[in-house]
Amino acid sequence: MSSPRRRRKKTPDSPLLAKRAIDLARAALIDVDEGGVGCHLGSAPIDEHSATHRFVAEVPGYSGWEWHAVIACAAGSHDLTVSEVALVPAHDALQAPEFIPWSQRIQPGDLGPGDVLPAPMDDPRLTPEGTSAGVSNTRRKLSVEGLGQAQQRWRNGAFGPRAPIAQQSAAECESCGFFLPLTPAVGPEFGVCANEYSADGSVVHVHYGCGAHSDTPEEPGVAESRGELFADEVALEWHPKD
């Protein structure tokens, strides 16, 4: 009985995918000297005359990255050349987060002592003309758009009419003695709270409200006397136990 024939490993027809091309790609990556070159991960033709060879990148801090080397071969020739080498992230590679410009990263409340936050020259919130709501002796003044943005923030903010505390309040700021209206140019909807136990110093909407309204009645019995006060002047005598 004849023994089963062993299948011989098929040699790639294209020199771009042969072992010689793999060795050339590895040598080119090693010559770059930017990090270790690991095992060969595979190769794929780009077109008739070039192919990409992929290797594990053994580079500290670049987990999941690959070395890519592009090998080229002219038509009718078996001479191989290296066209390009690159360190490329694989689908599961560790990568830095997408860059976000500083102007887009800063958030309300980020400004701290000593910080400087200049308004851009093209800031739409400021204009040479401005509105009557702003200060008159400044080089740039609050624009209509800037005022509108502020008003929208105040309406939708923590001291606006839709805030949870306002929804549960029996009275609104427009009838509160602690409410200080802002100038008409800013808008009749807004004022500043002067109650230290509530939104003290903050812009509040006229339809905002809280439990510290100036007309909030005292709870029954809070101020009532709990009984007559008396002084217990009976002297206590202390006798040691025998």
Foldseek 3Di string as FASTA:
>chain_A
DDDDDDDDDDADPALCQGPVVVVVQLVVVVVVVQADWADWPGKDAPDPFKIKTWTDGHHPPWPQKIKIWMWGDDPPGNDIDTDDIDIGHDPPIDDDDDDDDPVVPDDPPPDDPPDDDDQDPVRPQWDCVEFPQFDDPDRIYGHPVNLVVVVVCQCPDCQHCPHPQLVPAPAFQLPAPQWAAGDCRSPRQWTAGCDPVPRHGDIHGRSGHHCVGNPNDDDPPPPDDPDDDDDDPDDDDDDDDD
